[in-house]
Protein backbone atom coordinates (compact mmCIF):
# COMPACT_ATOMS: atom_id res chain seq x y z
CA UNK A 1 -19.98 8.87 -17.28
CA UNK A 2 -17.50 6.84 -19.36
CA UNK A 3 -15.43 4.18 -17.59
CA UNK A 4 -11.75 4.94 -17.11
CA UNK A 5 -9.18 2.85 -18.85
CA UNK A 6 -7.40 0.32 -16.59
CA UNK A 7 -4.07 2.18 -16.82
CA UNK A 8 -5.41 5.65 -16.12
CA UNK A 9 -4.65 7.55 -12.89
CA UNK A 10 -6.87 6.68 -9.95
CA UNK A 11 -8.00 8.31 -6.72
CA UNK A 12 -5.83 7.13 -3.81
CA UNK A 13 -7.75 5.61 -0.90
CA UNK A 14 -5.90 4.34 2.19
CA UNK A 15 -7.76 1.96 4.49
CA UNK A 16 -7.79 2.55 8.22
CA UNK A 17 -5.90 -0.72 8.64
CA UNK A 18 -3.14 0.42 6.26
CA UNK A 19 -2.95 3.78 8.06
CA UNK A 20 -2.46 1.87 11.32
CA UNK A 21 0.25 -0.30 9.72
CA UNK A 22 2.11 2.79 8.52
CA UNK A 23 1.73 4.51 11.90
CA UNK A 24 3.27 1.48 13.66
CA UNK A 25 6.24 1.42 11.27
CA UNK A 26 6.87 5.15 11.67
CA UNK A 27 6.64 4.99 15.48
CA UNK A 28 9.03 2.05 15.52
CA UNK A 29 11.51 3.83 13.25
CA UNK A 30 11.31 7.01 15.34
CA UNK A 31 12.05 5.00 18.47
CA UNK A 32 14.84 2.93 16.96
CA UNK A 33 16.50 5.29 14.47
CA UNK A 34 15.26 8.77 15.31
CA UNK A 35 12.55 11.13 14.18
CA UNK A 36 14.48 12.33 11.11
CA UNK A 37 14.77 8.79 9.73
CA UNK A 38 11.08 8.16 10.42
CA UNK A 39 10.03 11.40 8.72
CA UNK A 40 12.15 10.63 5.64
CA UNK A 41 10.63 7.16 5.37
CA UNK A 42 7.11 8.58 5.75
CA UNK A 43 7.83 10.99 2.89
CA UNK A 44 9.05 8.05 0.83
CA UNK A 45 5.87 6.08 1.62
CA UNK A 46 3.67 9.07 0.65
CA UNK A 47 5.51 9.48 -2.65
CA UNK A 48 5.23 5.76 -3.44
CA UNK A 49 1.49 5.66 -2.71
CA UNK A 50 0.89 8.69 -4.90
CA UNK A 51 2.90 7.08 -7.70
CA UNK A 52 0.85 3.88 -7.41
CA UNK A 53 -2.36 5.89 -7.82
CA UNK A 54 -0.94 7.94 -10.71
CA UNK A 55 0.14 4.82 -12.59
CA UNK A 56 -3.35 3.45 -12.24
CA UNK A 57 -2.23 -0.16 -12.23
CA UNK A 58 1.01 -1.73 -11.14
CA UNK A 59 2.46 -4.23 -8.74
CA UNK A 60 2.25 -7.99 -8.96
CA UNK A 61 -0.84 -10.10 -8.57
CA UNK A 62 -1.52 -11.73 -5.23
CA UNK A 63 -4.76 -13.40 -6.35
CA UNK A 64 -3.67 -16.54 -4.50
CA UNK A 65 -3.93 -14.56 -1.24
CA UNK A 66 -7.17 -12.67 -1.93
CA UNK A 67 -9.21 -11.85 -5.07
CA UNK A 68 -8.02 -8.68 -6.82
CA UNK A 69 -5.11 -8.16 -4.43
CA UNK A 70 -1.86 -6.71 -5.80
CA UNK A 71 1.48 -6.05 -4.11
CA UNK A 72 4.24 -3.48 -4.56
CA UNK A 73 7.58 -3.59 -2.73
CA UNK A 74 9.06 -0.58 -0.94
CA UNK A 75 12.34 -1.52 0.71
CA UNK A 76 11.61 -4.17 3.35
CA UNK A 77 7.86 -3.51 3.15
CA UNK A 78 5.03 -4.66 0.94
CA UNK A 79 2.15 -2.44 -0.05
CA UNK A 80 -0.99 -4.50 -0.63
CA UNK A 81 -3.69 -2.84 -2.71
CA UNK A 82 -6.62 -3.26 -5.07
CA UNK A 83 -7.36 -1.30 -8.23
CA UNK A 84 -10.87 -0.44 -9.39
CA UNK A 85 -12.02 1.69 -12.32
CA UNK A 86 -11.69 4.81 -10.16
CA UNK A 87 -9.48 3.97 -7.15
CA UNK A 88 -6.21 2.56 -6.00
CA UNK A 89 -7.18 1.29 -2.56
CA UNK A 90 -4.28 0.59 -0.17
CA UNK A 91 -5.27 -2.38 2.01
CA UNK A 92 -2.17 -3.13 4.11
CA UNK A 93 1.44 -1.96 4.57
CA UNK A 94 3.43 -4.88 5.99
CA UNK A 95 6.99 -5.99 6.54
CA UNK A 96 7.98 -8.38 3.75
CA UNK A 97 8.84 -11.09 6.26
CA UNK A 98 5.20 -11.40 7.39
CA UNK A 99 3.35 -14.60 6.50
CA UNK A 100 0.52 -13.34 4.30
CA UNK A 101 -1.26 -16.69 4.54
CA UNK A 102 -2.38 -15.82 8.09
CA UNK A 103 -3.41 -12.22 7.37
CA UNK A 104 -6.95 -11.26 6.40
CA UNK A 105 -7.12 -9.07 3.31
CA UNK A 106 -10.83 -8.32 3.32
CA UNK A 107 -12.56 -5.99 0.91
CA UNK A 108 -11.61 -2.82 2.81
């Protein structure tokens, strides 16, 4: 099977940790701003993750945090991910104010 080009669309994989991050954000938004706001933001997250996978390679390098790590901004949040030949793997979904130097970005 031939290797995909770096900029080709990839399969989207979301780590359990990133799913938990997103769940926390949505529950917080539902509590603070209402279910409609939370649902709209979840739809926006879904669309952004799909776009990341379709692009095949985007975001800015965060090699200084962890090898192969990339980051994409969505409002006040940062999507941390890695790209392989076949996958865009979402590692974490964190508020941009978080100190990434104290967060573990293992090879999820």
